[in-house]
C-alpha atoms as a PDB file:
ATOM      1  CA  MET A   1      -2.752  22.332  32.116  1.00  0.00           C
ATOM      2  CA  LYS A   2      -4.420  18.944  33.228  1.00  0.00           C
ATOM      3  CA  PRO A   3      -3.272  15.717  31.246  1.00  0.00           C
ATOM      4  CA  LYS A   4      -7.078  15.701  29.718  1.00  0.00           C
ATOM      5  CA  SER A   5      -6.734  19.213  28.469  1.00  0.00           C
ATOM      6  CA  LEU A   6      -3.225  18.395  26.944  1.00  0.00           C
ATOM      7  CA  LEU A   7      -4.237  15.256  25.345  1.00  0.00           C
ATOM      8  CA  ARG A   8      -7.113  16.825  23.782  1.00  0.00           C
ATOM      9  CA  ALA A   9      -4.966  19.956  22.384  1.00  0.00           C
ATOM     10  CA  ILE A  10      -2.546  17.394  20.896  1.00  0.00           C
ATOM     11  CA  LYS A  11      -5.616  15.296  19.220  1.00  0.00           C
ATOM     12  CA  ILE A  12      -6.905  18.776  17.725  1.00  0.00           C
ATOM     13  CA  PHE A  13      -3.641  19.921  16.541  1.00  0.00           C
ATOM     14  CA  HIS A  14      -2.682  16.083  15.185  1.00  0.00           C
ATOM     15  CA  THR A  15      -6.058  15.908  13.584  1.00  0.00           C
ATOM     16  CA  ILE A  16      -5.441  19.468  11.686  1.00  0.00           C
ATOM     17  CA  VAL A  17      -1.952  18.019  10.912  1.00  0.00           C
ATOM     18  CA  TRP A  18      -3.293  14.806   9.441  1.00  0.00           C
ATOM     19  CA  ALA A  19      -5.840  17.126   7.171  1.00  0.00           C
ATOM     20  CA  PHE A  20      -3.092  19.137   5.806  1.00  0.00           C
ATOM     21  CA  PHE A  21      -1.560  15.629   4.549  1.00  0.00           C
ATOM     22  CA  ALA A  22      -4.770  14.283   3.545  1.00  0.00           C
ATOM     23  CA  ILE A  23      -5.835  17.136   1.477  1.00  0.00           C
ATOM     24  CA  CYS A  24      -2.304  17.603   0.176  1.00  0.00           C
ATOM     25  CA  ILE A  25      -2.552  13.987  -0.874  1.00  0.00           C
ATOM     26  CA  ILE A  26      -6.022  14.010  -2.428  1.00  0.00           C
ATOM     27  CA  LEU A  27      -5.170  17.151  -4.594  1.00  0.00           C
ATOM     28  CA  ILE A  28      -1.882  15.672  -6.311  1.00  0.00           C
ATOM     29  CA  PRO A  29      -4.198  13.436  -9.030  1.00  0.00           C
ATOM     30  CA  ILE A  30      -6.549  16.529  -9.205  1.00  0.00           C
ATOM     31  CA  LEU A  31      -4.293  18.933  -9.879  1.00  0.00           C
ATOM     32  CA  GLY A  32      -2.034  16.390 -12.303  1.00  0.00           C
ATOM     33  CA  PHE A  33      -5.561  16.368 -14.160  1.00  0.00           C
ATOM     34  CA  PHE A  34      -5.547  19.931 -14.875  1.00  0.00           C
ATOM     35  CA  ARG A  35      -1.689  20.104 -15.600  1.00  0.00           C
ATOM     36  CA  ASN A  36      -0.555  21.771 -12.830  1.00  0.00           C
ATOM     37  CA  TYR A  37       2.914  20.250 -12.427  1.00  0.00           C
ATOM     38  CA  ASN A  38       4.580  22.791 -10.448  1.00  0.00           C
ATOM     39  CA  LEU A  39       1.748  22.453  -7.752  1.00  0.00           C
ATOM     40  CA  VAL A  40       1.878  18.461  -7.987  1.00  0.00           C
ATOM     41  CA  ALA A  41       5.897  18.646  -7.428  1.00  0.00           C
ATOM     42  CA  LEU A  42       5.263  21.002  -4.577  1.00  0.00           C
ATOM     43  CA  LEU A  43       2.886  18.570  -2.357  1.00  0.00           C
ATOM     44  CA  ILE A  44       4.787  15.554  -3.366  1.00  0.00           C
ATOM     45  CA  GLY A  45       7.532  17.117  -1.677  1.00  0.00           C
ATOM     46  CA  ILE A  46       5.560  18.498   1.021  1.00  0.00           C
ATOM     47  CA  VAL A  47       4.191  14.739   1.843  1.00  0.00           C
ATOM     48  CA  PHE A  48       7.640  13.256   1.056  1.00  0.00           C
ATOM     49  CA  ILE A  49       9.057  15.529   4.239  1.00  0.00           C
ATOM     50  CA  GLU A  50       6.268  13.850   6.363  1.00  0.00           C
ATOM     51  CA  VAL A  51       7.079  10.346   4.709  1.00  0.00           C
ATOM     52  CA  LEU A  52      10.667  11.110   6.089  1.00  0.00           C
ATOM     53  CA  ILE A  53       9.748  12.272   9.626  1.00  0.00           C
ATOM     54  CA  LEU A  54       7.362   9.074   9.673  1.00  0.00           C
ATOM     55  CA  VAL A  55      10.450   6.870   8.707  1.00  0.00           C
ATOM     56  CA  LEU A  56      13.010   8.272  11.151  1.00  0.00           C
ATOM     57  CA  ASN A  57      10.119   7.758  13.808  1.00  0.00           C
ATOM     58  CA  GLY A  58       9.664   4.013  12.871  1.00  0.00           C
ATOM     59  CA  TRP A  59       6.495   4.634  11.038  1.00  0.00           C
ATOM     60  CA  HIS A  60       4.697   6.510  14.046  1.00  0.00           C
ATOM     61  CA  CYS A  61       4.004   9.921  14.327  1.00  0.00           C
ATOM     62  CA  PRO A  62       5.765  11.973  16.551  1.00  0.00           C
ATOM     63  CA  LEU A  63       2.559  13.406  17.952  1.00  0.00           C
ATOM     64  CA  THR A  64       1.288   9.772  18.830  1.00  0.00           C
ATOM     65  CA  GLY A  65       4.161   9.004  21.391  1.00  0.00           C
ATOM     66  CA  TRP A  66       3.734  12.697  22.943  1.00  0.00           C
ATOM     67  CA  ALA A  67      -0.076  12.078  22.868  1.00  0.00           C
ATOM     68  CA  ALA A  68       0.852   8.520  24.927  1.00  0.00           C
ATOM     69  CA  LYS A  69       2.390  10.654  27.533  1.00  0.00           C
ATOM     70  CA  TYR A  70      -1.089  11.916  28.500  1.00  0.00           C
ATOM     71  CA  THR A  71      -3.306   8.950  28.642  1.00  0.00           C
ATOM     72  CA  THR A  72      -3.087   5.453  29.885  1.00  0.00           C
ATOM     73  CA  ASP A  73      -5.615   4.645  27.221  1.00  0.00           C
ATOM     74  CA  THR A  74      -3.692   3.558  24.062  1.00  0.00           C
ATOM     75  CA  ASN A  75      -5.370   0.470  22.930  1.00  0.00           C
ATOM     76  CA  SER A  76      -7.358   2.223  19.872  1.00  0.00           C
ATOM     77  CA  ASP A  77      -5.971   3.611  17.011  1.00  0.00           C
ATOM     78  CA  ASN A  78      -7.418   6.479  17.305  1.00  0.00           C
ATOM     79  CA  PHE A  79      -6.377   7.527  20.841  1.00  0.00           C
ATOM     80  CA  ASP A  80      -4.422  10.277  19.383  1.00  0.00           C
ATOM     81  CA  ILE A  81      -6.558  11.907  16.730  1.00  0.00           C
ATOM     82  CA  TYR A  82      -9.893  12.554  15.964  1.00  0.00           C
ATOM     83  CA  LEU A  83     -10.490   9.968  13.399  1.00  0.00           C
ATOM     84  CA  PRO A  84     -12.559   7.179  13.028  1.00  0.00           C
ATOM     85  CA  ASN A  85     -10.987   4.266  14.641  1.00  0.00           C
ATOM     86  CA  TRP A  86     -11.180   2.383  11.176  1.00  0.00           C
ATOM     87  CA  LEU A  87      -9.443   5.038   9.402  1.00  0.00           C
ATOM     88  CA  ALA A  88      -6.870   5.469  11.906  1.00  0.00           C
ATOM     89  CA  LYS A  89      -6.147   1.899  11.803  1.00  0.00           C
ATOM     90  CA  HIS A  90      -5.492   1.689   8.197  1.00  0.00           C
ATOM     91  CA  ASN A  91      -4.569   5.305   7.564  1.00  0.00           C
ATOM     92  CA  MET A  92      -0.715   4.549   6.087  1.00  0.00           C
ATOM     93  CA  LEU A  93      -2.202   2.135   3.793  1.00  0.00           C
ATOM     94  CA  ILE A  94      -5.401   4.153   2.699  1.00  0.00           C
ATOM     95  CA  PHE A  95      -3.224   7.105   1.955  1.00  0.00           C
ATOM     96  CA  GLY A  96      -0.174   5.526   0.813  1.00  0.00           C
ATOM     97  CA  ILE A  97      -1.893   4.203  -1.842  1.00  0.00           C
ATOM     98  CA  LEU A  98      -3.718   7.539  -2.736  1.00  0.00           C
ATOM     99  CA  PHE A  99      -0.440   9.529  -2.453  1.00  0.00           C
ATOM    100  CA  PHE A 100       1.814   6.861  -4.937  1.00  0.00           C
ATOM    101  CA  GLY A 101      -1.382   6.337  -7.233  1.00  0.00           C
ATOM    102  CA  GLY A 102      -1.766  10.209  -7.335  1.00  0.00           C
ATOM    103  CA  ILE A 103       1.827  10.479  -8.127  1.00  0.00           C
ATOM    104  CA  LEU A 104       1.717   7.739 -10.938  1.00  0.00           C
ATOM    105  CA  PHE A 105      -1.347   9.252 -12.722  1.00  0.00           C
ATOM    106  CA  SER A 106       0.243  12.745 -12.611  1.00  0.00           C
ATOM    107  CA  LEU A 107       3.341  11.036 -14.656  1.00  0.00           C
ATOM    108  CA  THR A 108       1.489   9.529 -16.752  1.00  0.00           C
ATOM    109  CA  ARG A 109      -0.533  12.678 -17.272  1.00  0.00           C
ATOM    110  CA  TRP A 110       2.532  14.783 -17.773  1.00  0.00           C
ATOM    111  CA  ALA A 111       3.770  11.880 -20.082  1.00  0.00           C
ATOM    112  CA  GLY A 112       1.108  12.397 -22.312  1.00  0.00           C
ATOM    113  CA  TRP A 113      -0.421   8.952 -21.982  1.00  0.00           C
ATOM    114  CA  PHE A 114      -3.870  10.499 -20.776  1.00  0.00           C
ATOM    115  CA  ASP A 115      -4.673  13.396 -23.632  1.00  0.00           C
END
């Protein structure tokens, strides 16, 4: 396979993985609102596995390093994923806030504060 084709395949796969985790994070407060705490706990666990992977890789997705092997254009924040550059740049901040906010909301709902 050509480097350009490999990079495209990595970007597609990275985008699919990103979408999966973004959906998990977005579903946490929604499921918390509907009091589906078993699914909330499962999604939190899934996302924490991803956080652990990021921590072990110096807060970088392993796919980013893989993609960098197939391009010399690594200046943009979205060289390794099909996201707008602004979202790729601020991804961890945005989804970190949504993740911990969703956990907090679900915990307070579970505690009965938002009945």
